[in-house]
Amino acid sequence: MNLIVTIQVLTATGALAPGPLFVTNLIFGSREGWKAGFKMSVGHTIVEFPLFLMIAFGMLSVMMVGEAALALGVLGGLTMIIFGILELADALKSKGIDLNNSFLNKFGSKGPLFMGAALSAFNPFFILWWLFIGSTFIYASLRILPYIFLPLIYLTHVWMDYVWLMATAHLSFVGRNVLREKRYRYFIAALGLLLIVFGFHFITKSVFNFSLLPL
């Protein structure tokens, strides 16, 4: 029981923290509701579960990530900046243009899945969280459970990602229905701008070790 509580507390430090995945989830959620949150979670899981297994089997180290952190940070930052700029541009278009016909439609129904995977794979801080924090409950679990229980250990962690992203995506969709078009555009524009800031934060943090945000 103590181990389960520990996993939940450590999971909350990562899953509930505001970040680019959360912001992007709100953007997609305003269009698709909880389904967007589910797809974002699946995309996140596609990257996270193999990472979880690599750490459990000792196939990934801090040294290995350190060498790739610069490239991951820059690629992740550029992905956020481009996505944020396109979203901001759509939100600031003339009033007669429907945001449902924005560039997001070019992603199709797989947009949240793709962004969930991309923002996880290109996030060196997410990987470092697993190496320094997530690894503690992996190794603690393996002291009392055989390796065959690894999927179960992962489930005790990942359920929170699904609940959080689906719930916040649904709330974003509900908020869109409450807000008038002009205010909704401001909301989406603010999210796009925030994503751009996150992108620059990732790049400056990775290249110059300088943080634009208190994260």
N, C-alpha and C. Protein backbone atom coordinates (compact mmCIF):
# COMPACT_ATOMS: atom_id res chain seq x y z
N MET A 1 0.83 -1.20 0.00
CA MET A 1 0.00 0.00 0.00
C MET A 1 0.87 1.26 0.00
N ASN A 2 1.94 1.26 0.80
CA ASN A 2 2.84 2.42 0.84
C ASN A 2 3.46 2.67 -0.53
N LEU A 3 3.78 1.58 -1.25
CA LEU A 3 4.37 1.72 -2.58
C LEU A 3 3.38 2.36 -3.54
N ILE A 4 2.13 1.94 -3.47
CA ILE A 4 1.10 2.50 -4.35
C ILE A 4 0.92 3.99 -4.09
N VAL A 5 0.89 4.36 -2.81
CA VAL A 5 0.74 5.78 -2.45
C VAL A 5 1.93 6.58 -2.98
N THR A 6 3.14 6.02 -2.84
CA THR A 6 4.34 6.68 -3.32
C THR A 6 4.27 6.92 -4.83
N ILE A 7 3.82 5.89 -5.55
CA ILE A 7 3.71 6.02 -7.01
C ILE A 7 2.73 7.12 -7.38
N GLN A 8 1.60 7.20 -6.67
CA GLN A 8 0.60 8.22 -6.98
C GLN A 8 1.12 9.63 -6.71
N VAL A 9 1.83 9.78 -5.61
CA VAL A 9 2.38 11.10 -5.26
C VAL A 9 3.43 11.54 -6.28
N LEU A 10 4.33 10.63 -6.64
CA LEU A 10 5.37 10.95 -7.62
C LEU A 10 4.77 11.21 -8.99
N THR A 11 3.75 10.42 -9.34
CA THR A 11 3.08 10.61 -10.63
C THR A 11 2.46 12.00 -10.72
N ALA A 12 1.84 12.44 -9.64
CA ALA A 12 1.19 13.75 -9.62
C ALA A 12 2.18 14.88 -9.89
N THR A 13 3.43 14.72 -9.45
CA THR A 13 4.42 15.78 -9.67
C THR A 13 4.71 15.99 -11.15
N GLY A 14 4.48 14.96 -11.94
CA GLY A 14 4.71 15.08 -13.38
C GLY A 14 3.43 15.28 -14.16
N ALA A 15 2.43 14.43 -13.89
CA ALA A 15 1.19 14.45 -14.69
C ALA A 15 0.41 15.74 -14.53
N LEU A 16 0.35 16.28 -13.32
CA LEU A 16 -0.47 17.46 -13.06
C LEU A 16 0.26 18.78 -13.25
N ALA A 17 1.54 18.72 -13.57
CA ALA A 17 2.32 19.94 -13.76
C ALA A 17 1.96 20.59 -15.10
N PRO A 18 1.73 21.91 -15.13
CA PRO A 18 1.44 22.58 -16.40
C PRO A 18 2.65 22.54 -17.32
N GLY A 19 2.41 22.28 -18.57
CA GLY A 19 3.49 22.19 -19.53
C GLY A 19 2.95 22.19 -20.94
N PRO A 20 3.81 22.01 -21.95
CA PRO A 20 3.37 22.05 -23.34
C PRO A 20 2.34 20.97 -23.69
N LEU A 21 2.47 19.79 -23.09
CA LEU A 21 1.49 18.72 -23.35
C LEU A 21 0.11 19.13 -22.86
N PHE A 22 0.07 19.74 -21.69
CA PHE A 22 -1.19 20.19 -21.09
C PHE A 22 -1.81 21.31 -21.93
N VAL A 23 -1.00 22.27 -22.34
CA VAL A 23 -1.50 23.40 -23.14
C VAL A 23 -2.05 22.91 -24.48
N THR A 24 -1.30 22.03 -25.13
CA THR A 24 -1.74 21.49 -26.42
C THR A 24 -3.02 20.67 -26.26
N ASN A 25 -3.11 19.98 -25.16
CA ASN A 25 -4.32 19.20 -24.87
C ASN A 25 -5.54 20.10 -24.77
N LEU A 26 -5.39 21.28 -24.17
CA LEU A 26 -6.50 22.23 -24.07
C LEU A 26 -6.92 22.72 -25.46
N ILE A 27 -5.94 22.94 -26.32
CA ILE A 27 -6.24 23.41 -27.68
C ILE A 27 -7.04 22.37 -28.45
N PHE A 28 -6.55 21.13 -28.46
CA PHE A 28 -7.28 20.07 -29.15
C PHE A 28 -8.60 19.75 -28.45
N GLY A 29 -8.58 19.82 -27.12
CA GLY A 29 -9.78 19.52 -26.35
C GLY A 29 -10.91 20.47 -26.64
N SER A 30 -10.59 21.73 -26.96
CA SER A 30 -11.63 22.71 -27.25
C SER A 30 -12.39 22.33 -28.52
N ARG A 31 -11.78 21.48 -29.36
CA ARG A 31 -12.44 21.02 -30.59
C ARG A 31 -13.12 19.66 -30.40
N GLU A 32 -12.42 18.74 -29.73
CA GLU A 32 -12.88 17.35 -29.70
C GLU A 32 -13.35 16.87 -28.33
N GLY A 33 -13.16 17.66 -27.29
CA GLY A 33 -13.58 17.23 -25.97
C GLY A 33 -12.68 16.14 -25.41
N TRP A 34 -13.24 15.27 -24.58
CA TRP A 34 -12.45 14.25 -23.88
C TRP A 34 -11.73 13.30 -24.82
N LYS A 35 -12.26 13.14 -26.04
CA LYS A 35 -11.62 12.23 -27.00
C LYS A 35 -10.21 12.72 -27.34
N ALA A 36 -10.04 14.03 -27.41
CA ALA A 36 -8.71 14.59 -27.68
C ALA A 36 -7.76 14.24 -26.54
N GLY A 37 -8.24 14.34 -25.29
CA GLY A 37 -7.42 13.99 -24.14
C GLY A 37 -7.02 12.54 -24.15
N PHE A 38 -7.94 11.68 -24.59
CA PHE A 38 -7.62 10.24 -24.68
C PHE A 38 -6.54 10.00 -25.73
N LYS A 39 -6.68 10.64 -26.88
CA LYS A 39 -5.69 10.47 -27.95
C LYS A 39 -4.33 11.03 -27.54
N MET A 40 -4.33 12.17 -26.86
CA MET A 40 -3.07 12.74 -26.36
C MET A 40 -2.40 11.77 -25.40
N SER A 41 -3.20 11.15 -24.56
CA SER A 41 -2.68 10.19 -23.58
C SER A 41 -2.08 8.96 -24.26
N VAL A 42 -2.76 8.47 -25.31
CA VAL A 42 -2.25 7.32 -26.04
C VAL A 42 -0.92 7.67 -26.71
N GLY A 43 -0.85 8.85 -27.34
CA GLY A 43 0.40 9.29 -27.96
C GLY A 43 1.51 9.39 -26.93
N HIS A 44 1.18 9.92 -25.77
CA HIS A 44 2.14 10.03 -24.66
C HIS A 44 2.60 8.64 -24.22
N THR A 45 1.67 7.70 -24.13
CA THR A 45 1.98 6.34 -23.69
C THR A 45 2.88 5.62 -24.69
N ILE A 46 2.68 5.88 -25.98
CA ILE A 46 3.50 5.25 -27.02
C ILE A 46 4.98 5.55 -26.80
N VAL A 47 5.27 6.72 -26.28
CA VAL A 47 6.66 7.10 -25.99
C VAL A 47 7.05 6.68 -24.58
N GLU A 48 6.14 6.85 -23.63
CA GLU A 48 6.48 6.66 -22.23
C GLU A 48 6.68 5.20 -21.84
N PHE A 49 5.85 4.30 -22.33
CA PHE A 49 5.96 2.91 -21.89
C PHE A 49 7.29 2.27 -22.31
N PRO A 50 7.75 2.45 -23.56
CA PRO A 50 9.09 1.93 -23.89
C PRO A 50 10.19 2.56 -23.04
N LEU A 51 10.05 3.86 -22.73
CA LEU A 51 11.02 4.53 -21.87
C LEU A 51 11.01 3.89 -20.48
N PHE A 52 9.82 3.63 -19.97
CA PHE A 52 9.65 2.96 -18.68
C PHE A 52 10.36 1.61 -18.67
N LEU A 53 10.19 0.83 -19.73
CA LEU A 53 10.82 -0.49 -19.81
C LEU A 53 12.34 -0.39 -19.93
N MET A 54 12.81 0.60 -20.70
CA MET A 54 14.26 0.77 -20.85
C MET A 54 14.93 1.10 -19.52
N ILE A 55 14.27 1.91 -18.71
CA ILE A 55 14.82 2.25 -17.40
C ILE A 55 14.77 1.03 -16.49
N ALA A 56 13.66 0.30 -16.54
CA ALA A 56 13.51 -0.89 -15.69
C ALA A 56 14.57 -1.94 -16.00
N PHE A 57 14.93 -2.09 -17.26
CA PHE A 57 15.92 -3.10 -17.65
C PHE A 57 17.33 -2.54 -17.75
N GLY A 58 17.52 -1.31 -17.26
CA GLY A 58 18.85 -0.72 -17.21
C GLY A 58 19.44 -0.37 -18.56
N MET A 59 18.57 -0.08 -19.54
CA MET A 59 19.03 0.20 -20.90
C MET A 59 19.20 1.69 -21.17
N LEU A 60 18.86 2.53 -20.18
CA LEU A 60 18.94 3.98 -20.37
C LEU A 60 19.59 4.60 -19.15
N SER A 61 20.53 5.50 -19.35
CA SER A 61 21.22 6.16 -18.26
C SER A 61 21.19 7.67 -18.43
N VAL A 62 21.54 8.38 -17.38
CA VAL A 62 21.59 9.84 -17.42
C VAL A 62 22.63 10.30 -18.43
N MET A 63 23.74 9.59 -18.52
CA MET A 63 24.80 9.96 -19.45
C MET A 63 24.30 9.90 -20.89
N MET A 64 23.54 8.84 -21.22
CA MET A 64 23.01 8.68 -22.58
C MET A 64 22.05 9.82 -22.92
N VAL A 65 21.19 10.18 -21.97
CA VAL A 65 20.22 11.25 -22.21
C VAL A 65 20.92 12.59 -22.31
N GLY A 66 21.97 12.77 -21.48
CA GLY A 66 22.70 14.03 -21.48
C GLY A 66 23.25 14.38 -22.85
N GLU A 67 23.70 13.36 -23.58
CA GLU A 67 24.27 13.58 -24.90
C GLU A 67 23.20 14.00 -25.91
N ALA A 68 21.96 13.54 -25.69
CA ALA A 68 20.88 13.83 -26.64
C ALA A 68 19.99 14.97 -26.19
N ALA A 69 20.18 15.45 -24.97
CA ALA A 69 19.28 16.45 -24.39
C ALA A 69 19.24 17.73 -25.22
N LEU A 70 20.38 18.16 -25.74
CA LEU A 70 20.44 19.39 -26.52
C LEU A 70 19.57 19.29 -27.76
N ALA A 71 19.75 18.19 -28.51
CA ALA A 71 18.98 18.01 -29.74
C ALA A 71 17.49 17.86 -29.44
N LEU A 72 17.16 17.11 -28.39
CA LEU A 72 15.76 16.92 -28.03
C LEU A 72 15.11 18.24 -27.62
N GLY A 73 15.85 19.03 -26.84
CA GLY A 73 15.32 20.31 -26.39
C GLY A 73 15.06 21.27 -27.54
N VAL A 74 15.99 21.32 -28.48
CA VAL A 74 15.83 22.22 -29.63
C VAL A 74 14.68 21.75 -30.53
N LEU A 75 14.64 20.45 -30.83
CA LEU A 75 13.56 19.92 -31.68
C LEU A 75 12.20 20.10 -31.02
N GLY A 76 12.15 19.80 -29.72
CA GLY A 76 10.89 19.98 -29.00
C GLY A 76 10.47 21.43 -28.96
N GLY A 77 11.43 22.33 -28.73
CA GLY A 77 11.13 23.75 -28.68
C GLY A 77 10.62 24.27 -30.02
N LEU A 78 11.26 23.84 -31.10
CA LEU A 78 10.83 24.26 -32.44
C LEU A 78 9.43 23.74 -32.76
N THR A 79 9.14 22.50 -32.35
CA THR A 79 7.81 21.93 -32.57
C THR A 79 6.75 22.78 -31.87
N MET A 80 7.02 23.17 -30.63
CA MET A 80 6.07 23.99 -29.87
C MET A 80 5.90 25.37 -30.49
N ILE A 81 7.01 25.98 -30.91
CA ILE A 81 6.95 27.33 -31.49
C ILE A 81 6.13 27.33 -32.78
N ILE A 82 6.41 26.36 -33.65
CA ILE A 82 5.68 26.30 -34.93
C ILE A 82 4.20 26.05 -34.69
N PHE A 83 3.89 25.08 -33.82
CA PHE A 83 2.49 24.78 -33.52
C PHE A 83 1.81 25.99 -32.89
N GLY A 84 2.50 26.66 -31.98
CA GLY A 84 1.93 27.83 -31.31
C GLY A 84 1.69 28.98 -32.27
N ILE A 85 2.63 29.23 -33.19
CA ILE A 85 2.48 30.32 -34.15
C ILE A 85 1.29 30.06 -35.08
N LEU A 86 1.16 28.83 -35.56
CA LEU A 86 0.06 28.50 -36.46
C LEU A 86 -1.29 28.62 -35.74
N GLU A 87 -1.31 28.18 -34.49
CA GLU A 87 -2.55 28.28 -33.72
C GLU A 87 -2.88 29.73 -33.41
N LEU A 88 -1.89 30.51 -33.07
CA LEU A 88 -2.09 31.94 -32.80
C LEU A 88 -2.59 32.66 -34.05
N ALA A 89 -2.01 32.32 -35.20
CA ALA A 89 -2.42 32.94 -36.45
C ALA A 89 -3.88 32.63 -36.77
N ASP A 90 -4.28 31.37 -36.56
CA ASP A 90 -5.68 31.00 -36.81
C ASP A 90 -6.62 31.74 -35.89
N ALA A 91 -6.22 31.89 -34.63
CA ALA A 91 -7.09 32.54 -33.65
C ALA A 91 -7.27 34.03 -33.94
N LEU A 92 -6.26 34.64 -34.57
CA LEU A 92 -6.30 36.09 -34.83
C LEU A 92 -6.83 36.44 -36.22
N LYS A 93 -7.26 35.43 -36.97
CA LYS A 93 -7.83 35.70 -38.28
C LYS A 93 -9.14 36.46 -38.14
N SER A 94 -9.64 36.94 -39.26
CA SER A 94 -10.87 37.72 -39.23
C SER A 94 -12.01 36.92 -38.64
N LYS A 95 -12.98 37.62 -38.10
CA LYS A 95 -14.07 37.02 -37.35
C LYS A 95 -14.86 36.00 -38.16
N GLY A 96 -14.93 36.19 -39.47
CA GLY A 96 -15.76 35.31 -40.28
C GLY A 96 -15.20 33.93 -40.48
N ILE A 97 -13.95 33.69 -40.07
CA ILE A 97 -13.32 32.38 -40.31
C ILE A 97 -13.56 31.48 -39.11
N ASP A 98 -14.04 30.28 -39.38
CA ASP A 98 -14.36 29.32 -38.32
C ASP A 98 -13.09 28.64 -37.86
N LEU A 99 -12.85 28.65 -36.55
CA LEU A 99 -11.66 27.98 -36.02
C LEU A 99 -11.70 26.48 -36.22
N ASN A 100 -12.90 25.92 -36.45
CA ASN A 100 -12.98 24.50 -36.74
C ASN A 100 -12.28 24.16 -38.06
N ASN A 101 -12.11 25.16 -38.91
CA ASN A 101 -11.44 24.94 -40.20
C ASN A 101 -10.00 25.44 -40.16
N SER A 102 -9.41 25.46 -38.99
CA SER A 102 -8.04 25.94 -38.83
C SER A 102 -7.05 24.89 -39.32
N PHE A 103 -5.76 25.20 -39.16
CA PHE A 103 -4.73 24.29 -39.63
C PHE A 103 -4.79 22.95 -38.90
N LEU A 104 -5.43 22.90 -37.73
CA LEU A 104 -5.52 21.65 -36.99
C LEU A 104 -6.22 20.56 -37.79
N ASN A 105 -7.13 20.95 -38.67
CA ASN A 105 -7.83 19.96 -39.48
C ASN A 105 -6.88 19.21 -40.40
N LYS A 106 -5.73 19.81 -40.70
CA LYS A 106 -4.76 19.15 -41.56
C LYS A 106 -4.16 17.92 -40.87
N PHE A 107 -4.20 17.90 -39.54
CA PHE A 107 -3.72 16.75 -38.80
C PHE A 107 -4.72 15.60 -38.87
N GLY A 108 -5.98 15.92 -39.13
CA GLY A 108 -7.02 14.90 -39.10
C GLY A 108 -7.29 14.46 -37.67
N SER A 109 -7.95 13.33 -37.54
CA SER A 109 -8.32 12.83 -36.21
C SER A 109 -7.11 12.35 -35.41
N LYS A 110 -5.97 12.18 -36.08
CA LYS A 110 -4.77 11.68 -35.40
C LYS A 110 -3.90 12.82 -34.86
N GLY A 111 -4.36 14.07 -34.98
CA GLY A 111 -3.57 15.19 -34.51
C GLY A 111 -3.17 15.10 -33.05
N PRO A 112 -4.12 14.88 -32.13
CA PRO A 112 -3.75 14.76 -30.71
C PRO A 112 -2.80 13.60 -30.45
N LEU A 113 -2.99 12.49 -31.17
CA LEU A 113 -2.11 11.33 -31.01
C LEU A 113 -0.69 11.69 -31.40
N PHE A 114 -0.55 12.35 -32.54
CA PHE A 114 0.77 12.74 -33.04
C PHE A 114 1.45 13.73 -32.09
N MET A 115 0.72 14.76 -31.66
CA MET A 115 1.31 15.76 -30.79
C MET A 115 1.61 15.20 -29.40
N GLY A 116 0.78 14.28 -28.93
CA GLY A 116 1.05 13.63 -27.64
C GLY A 116 2.36 12.88 -27.66
N ALA A 117 2.63 12.20 -28.79
CA ALA A 117 3.88 11.45 -28.93
C ALA A 117 5.06 12.39 -29.15
N ALA A 118 4.88 13.40 -30.02
CA ALA A 118 5.99 14.31 -30.36
C ALA A 118 6.43 15.13 -29.16
N LEU A 119 5.46 15.68 -28.42
CA LEU A 119 5.82 16.53 -27.28
C LEU A 119 6.41 15.74 -26.13
N SER A 120 6.19 14.43 -26.13
CA SER A 120 6.82 13.57 -25.12
C SER A 120 8.22 13.16 -25.56
N ALA A 121 8.33 12.74 -26.82
CA ALA A 121 9.62 12.26 -27.33
C ALA A 121 10.67 13.37 -27.38
N PHE A 122 10.25 14.61 -27.68
CA PHE A 122 11.19 15.72 -27.82
C PHE A 122 11.31 16.56 -26.55
N ASN A 123 10.91 15.99 -25.43
CA ASN A 123 10.96 16.71 -24.15
C ASN A 123 12.03 16.09 -23.25
N PRO A 124 13.24 16.67 -23.23
CA PRO A 124 14.31 16.08 -22.40
C PRO A 124 13.99 16.14 -20.92
N PHE A 125 13.17 17.10 -20.49
CA PHE A 125 12.84 17.22 -19.07
C PHE A 125 11.88 16.11 -18.64
N PHE A 126 11.02 15.69 -19.56
CA PHE A 126 10.15 14.54 -19.30
C PHE A 126 10.99 13.28 -19.13
N ILE A 127 11.99 13.09 -19.98
CA ILE A 127 12.87 11.92 -19.89
C ILE A 127 13.70 11.96 -18.61
N LEU A 128 14.20 13.14 -18.27
CA LEU A 128 14.98 13.28 -17.04
C LEU A 128 14.11 13.05 -15.80
N TRP A 129 12.82 13.44 -15.89
CA TRP A 129 11.90 13.16 -14.76
C TRP A 129 11.84 11.67 -14.52
N TRP A 130 11.77 10.89 -15.58
CA TRP A 130 11.72 9.44 -15.43
C TRP A 130 13.04 8.89 -14.87
N LEU A 131 14.15 9.46 -15.31
CA LEU A 131 15.44 8.95 -14.85
C LEU A 131 15.70 9.25 -13.38
N PHE A 132 15.27 10.43 -12.93
CA PHE A 132 15.58 10.84 -11.56
C PHE A 132 14.44 10.59 -10.58
N ILE A 133 13.19 10.70 -11.02
CA ILE A 133 12.06 10.56 -10.11
C ILE A 133 11.28 9.27 -10.37
N GLY A 134 10.88 9.08 -11.63
CA GLY A 134 10.12 7.87 -11.95
C GLY A 134 10.89 6.59 -11.66
N SER A 135 12.20 6.64 -11.86
CA SER A 135 13.01 5.44 -11.63
C SER A 135 12.97 4.98 -10.18
N THR A 136 12.73 5.91 -9.25
CA THR A 136 12.72 5.53 -7.84
C THR A 136 11.60 4.55 -7.53
N PHE A 137 10.40 4.77 -8.11
CA PHE A 137 9.33 3.82 -7.83
C PHE A 137 9.44 2.56 -8.70
N ILE A 138 10.14 2.66 -9.84
CA ILE A 138 10.37 1.45 -10.65
C ILE A 138 11.25 0.48 -9.87
N TYR A 139 12.37 0.98 -9.36
CA TYR A 139 13.31 0.12 -8.65
C TYR A 139 12.75 -0.34 -7.31
N ALA A 140 11.98 0.53 -6.64
CA ALA A 140 11.35 0.13 -5.38
C ALA A 140 10.35 -0.99 -5.62
N SER A 141 9.62 -0.92 -6.72
CA SER A 141 8.65 -1.96 -7.06
C SER A 141 9.34 -3.28 -7.38
N LEU A 142 10.45 -3.21 -8.11
CA LEU A 142 11.15 -4.42 -8.53
C LEU A 142 11.87 -5.11 -7.37
N ARG A 143 12.01 -4.40 -6.25
CA ARG A 143 12.60 -5.05 -5.08
C ARG A 143 11.64 -6.07 -4.46
N ILE A 144 10.33 -5.87 -4.68
CA ILE A 144 9.34 -6.75 -4.05
C ILE A 144 8.48 -7.50 -5.08
N LEU A 145 8.60 -7.10 -6.36
CA LEU A 145 7.80 -7.75 -7.40
C LEU A 145 8.70 -8.22 -8.53
N PRO A 146 8.37 -9.34 -9.17
CA PRO A 146 9.15 -9.80 -10.33
C PRO A 146 8.88 -8.92 -11.56
N TYR A 147 9.75 -9.05 -12.56
CA TYR A 147 9.65 -8.21 -13.76
C TYR A 147 8.34 -8.39 -14.51
N ILE A 148 7.71 -9.55 -14.35
CA ILE A 148 6.46 -9.80 -15.06
C ILE A 148 5.35 -8.83 -14.64
N PHE A 149 5.54 -8.17 -13.49
CA PHE A 149 4.55 -7.22 -12.99
C PHE A 149 4.79 -5.79 -13.50
N LEU A 150 5.79 -5.61 -14.36
CA LEU A 150 6.09 -4.26 -14.86
C LEU A 150 4.89 -3.57 -15.52
N PRO A 151 4.11 -4.26 -16.36
CA PRO A 151 2.92 -3.59 -16.94
C PRO A 151 1.94 -3.11 -15.86
N LEU A 152 1.77 -3.90 -14.81
CA LEU A 152 0.87 -3.51 -13.72
C LEU A 152 1.42 -2.29 -12.99
N ILE A 153 2.73 -2.27 -12.76
CA ILE A 153 3.37 -1.12 -12.11
C ILE A 153 3.14 0.13 -12.95
N TYR A 154 3.28 -0.03 -14.26
CA TYR A 154 3.08 1.13 -15.15
C TYR A 154 1.63 1.61 -15.10
N LEU A 155 0.69 0.69 -15.05
CA LEU A 155 -0.72 1.08 -14.99
C LEU A 155 -1.04 1.90 -13.75
N THR A 156 -0.38 1.59 -12.63
CA THR A 156 -0.62 2.36 -11.41
C THR A 156 -0.14 3.80 -11.54
N HIS A 157 0.71 4.03 -12.56
CA HIS A 157 1.19 5.39 -12.84
C HIS A 157 0.36 6.07 -13.91
N VAL A 158 0.16 5.39 -15.05
CA VAL A 158 -0.34 6.06 -16.24
C VAL A 158 -1.82 6.42 -16.18
N TRP A 159 -2.59 5.77 -15.30
CA TRP A 159 -4.03 6.07 -15.24
C TRP A 159 -4.27 7.55 -14.96
N MET A 160 -3.37 8.18 -14.19
CA MET A 160 -3.55 9.58 -13.84
C MET A 160 -3.39 10.48 -15.06
N ASP A 161 -2.49 10.12 -15.97
CA ASP A 161 -2.34 10.88 -17.21
C ASP A 161 -3.65 10.90 -17.99
N TYR A 162 -4.27 9.72 -18.11
CA TYR A 162 -5.51 9.61 -18.89
C TYR A 162 -6.64 10.40 -18.24
N VAL A 163 -6.80 10.25 -16.95
CA VAL A 163 -7.87 10.96 -16.25
C VAL A 163 -7.68 12.47 -16.35
N TRP A 164 -6.46 12.93 -16.11
CA TRP A 164 -6.17 14.37 -16.11
C TRP A 164 -6.35 14.97 -17.50
N LEU A 165 -5.78 14.35 -18.51
CA LEU A 165 -5.85 14.91 -19.85
C LEU A 165 -7.27 14.84 -20.42
N MET A 166 -7.98 13.76 -20.15
CA MET A 166 -9.36 13.65 -20.64
C MET A 166 -10.26 14.64 -19.92
N ALA A 167 -10.07 14.81 -18.63
CA ALA A 167 -10.91 15.74 -17.85
C ALA A 167 -10.68 17.18 -18.28
N THR A 168 -9.41 17.57 -18.43
CA THR A 168 -9.11 18.95 -18.80
C THR A 168 -9.50 19.23 -20.25
N ALA A 169 -9.39 18.23 -21.12
CA ALA A 169 -9.83 18.41 -22.51
C ALA A 169 -11.35 18.62 -22.55
N HIS A 170 -12.07 17.87 -21.73
CA HIS A 170 -13.53 18.03 -21.66
C HIS A 170 -13.90 19.42 -21.14
N LEU A 171 -13.18 19.88 -20.11
CA LEU A 171 -13.47 21.20 -19.56
C LEU A 171 -13.17 22.29 -20.58
N SER A 172 -12.13 22.10 -21.39
CA SER A 172 -11.82 23.06 -22.43
C SER A 172 -12.94 23.11 -23.46
N PHE A 173 -13.51 21.96 -23.79
CA PHE A 173 -14.62 21.89 -24.74
C PHE A 173 -15.86 22.57 -24.18
N VAL A 174 -16.12 22.31 -22.89
CA VAL A 174 -17.26 22.95 -22.23
C VAL A 174 -17.06 24.47 -22.19
N GLY A 175 -15.85 24.89 -21.90
CA GLY A 175 -15.54 26.32 -21.85
C GLY A 175 -15.76 26.99 -23.18
N ARG A 176 -15.43 26.28 -24.25
CA ARG A 176 -15.64 26.84 -25.58
C ARG A 176 -17.13 27.11 -25.82
N ASN A 177 -17.97 26.19 -25.38
CA ASN A 177 -19.41 26.35 -25.58
C ASN A 177 -19.98 27.49 -24.73
N VAL A 178 -19.29 27.80 -23.63
CA VAL A 178 -19.75 28.87 -22.75
C VAL A 178 -19.28 30.23 -23.26
N LEU A 179 -18.02 30.27 -23.74
CA LEU A 179 -17.45 31.53 -24.21
C LEU A 179 -18.04 31.94 -25.56
N ARG A 180 -18.18 33.22 -25.77
CA ARG A 180 -18.57 33.71 -27.08
C ARG A 180 -17.37 33.61 -28.02
N GLU A 181 -17.64 33.73 -29.32
CA GLU A 181 -16.58 33.51 -30.31
C GLU A 181 -15.35 34.38 -30.04
N LYS A 182 -15.56 35.67 -29.77
CA LYS A 182 -14.44 36.58 -29.57
C LYS A 182 -13.59 36.16 -28.38
N ARG A 183 -14.25 35.85 -27.26
CA ARG A 183 -13.51 35.43 -26.07
C ARG A 183 -12.83 34.08 -26.28
N TYR A 184 -13.49 33.21 -27.02
CA TYR A 184 -12.89 31.91 -27.31
C TYR A 184 -11.62 32.09 -28.13
N ARG A 185 -11.66 33.01 -29.09
CA ARG A 185 -10.46 33.27 -29.89
C ARG A 185 -9.33 33.80 -29.01
N TYR A 186 -9.67 34.66 -28.06
CA TYR A 186 -8.65 35.15 -27.13
C TYR A 186 -8.05 34.00 -26.31
N PHE A 187 -8.91 33.09 -25.91
CA PHE A 187 -8.47 31.93 -25.12
C PHE A 187 -7.48 31.08 -25.93
N ILE A 188 -7.83 30.78 -27.18
CA ILE A 188 -6.97 29.97 -28.04
C ILE A 188 -5.68 30.72 -28.37
N ALA A 189 -5.80 32.03 -28.60
CA ALA A 189 -4.61 32.84 -28.88
C ALA A 189 -3.65 32.83 -27.69
N ALA A 190 -4.22 32.91 -26.49
CA ALA A 190 -3.38 32.89 -25.27
C ALA A 190 -2.67 31.55 -25.14
N LEU A 191 -3.37 30.45 -25.46
CA LEU A 191 -2.74 29.13 -25.39
C LEU A 191 -1.64 29.00 -26.44
N GLY A 192 -1.89 29.52 -27.64
CA GLY A 192 -0.86 29.49 -28.68
C GLY A 192 0.36 30.29 -28.27
N LEU A 193 0.15 31.45 -27.68
CA LEU A 193 1.25 32.29 -27.21
C LEU A 193 2.03 31.59 -26.09
N LEU A 194 1.31 30.94 -25.20
CA LEU A 194 1.95 30.22 -24.10
C LEU A 194 2.80 29.07 -24.63
N LEU A 195 2.31 28.41 -25.67
CA LEU A 195 3.06 27.31 -26.27
C LEU A 195 4.35 27.82 -26.91
N ILE A 196 4.29 29.01 -27.51
CA ILE A 196 5.49 29.62 -28.09
C ILE A 196 6.51 29.92 -26.99
N VAL A 197 6.04 30.45 -25.87
CA VAL A 197 6.93 30.74 -24.74
C VAL A 197 7.57 29.45 -24.23
N PHE A 198 6.78 28.39 -24.12
CA PHE A 198 7.33 27.10 -23.71
C PHE A 198 8.41 26.64 -24.68
N GLY A 199 8.18 26.87 -25.98
CA GLY A 199 9.16 26.47 -26.98
C GLY A 199 10.49 27.18 -26.80
N PHE A 200 10.43 28.50 -26.61
CA PHE A 200 11.66 29.26 -26.39
C PHE A 200 12.33 28.86 -25.06
N HIS A 201 11.49 28.53 -24.06
CA HIS A 201 12.02 28.08 -22.78
C HIS A 201 12.83 26.79 -22.95
N PHE A 202 12.29 25.85 -23.72
CA PHE A 202 12.98 24.59 -23.94
C PHE A 202 14.31 24.82 -24.64
N ILE A 203 14.31 25.70 -25.64
CA ILE A 203 15.54 25.94 -26.40
C ILE A 203 16.60 26.63 -25.54
N THR A 204 16.21 27.70 -24.83
CA THR A 204 17.19 28.42 -24.01
C THR A 204 17.70 27.55 -22.86
N LYS A 205 16.81 26.73 -22.32
CA LYS A 205 17.21 25.84 -21.22
C LYS A 205 18.20 24.79 -21.71
N SER A 206 17.94 24.24 -22.90
CA SER A 206 18.79 23.19 -23.44
C SER A 206 20.12 23.72 -23.95
N VAL A 207 20.10 24.88 -24.62
CA VAL A 207 21.31 25.40 -25.25
C VAL A 207 22.16 26.24 -24.28
N PHE A 208 21.49 27.11 -23.52
CA PHE A 208 22.22 28.06 -22.67
C PHE A 208 22.05 27.79 -21.17
N ASN A 209 21.25 26.76 -20.83
CA ASN A 209 20.93 26.46 -19.43
C ASN A 209 20.32 27.68 -18.73
N PHE A 210 19.49 28.41 -19.48
CA PHE A 210 18.83 29.60 -18.98
C PHE A 210 17.32 29.40 -19.08
N SER A 211 16.60 29.55 -17.97
CA SER A 211 15.19 29.30 -17.93
C SER A 211 14.38 30.59 -18.11
N LEU A 212 13.46 30.57 -19.06
CA LEU A 212 12.55 31.70 -19.24
C LEU A 212 11.36 31.60 -18.30
N LEU A 213 11.09 30.38 -17.85
CA LEU A 213 9.96 30.13 -16.96
C LEU A 213 10.45 29.50 -15.67
N PRO A 214 9.76 29.73 -14.56
CA PRO A 214 10.17 29.13 -13.28
C PRO A 214 9.73 27.68 -13.17
N LEU A 215 10.27 26.84 -14.07
CA LEU A 215 9.89 25.42 -14.10
C LEU A 215 11.09 24.56 -13.80
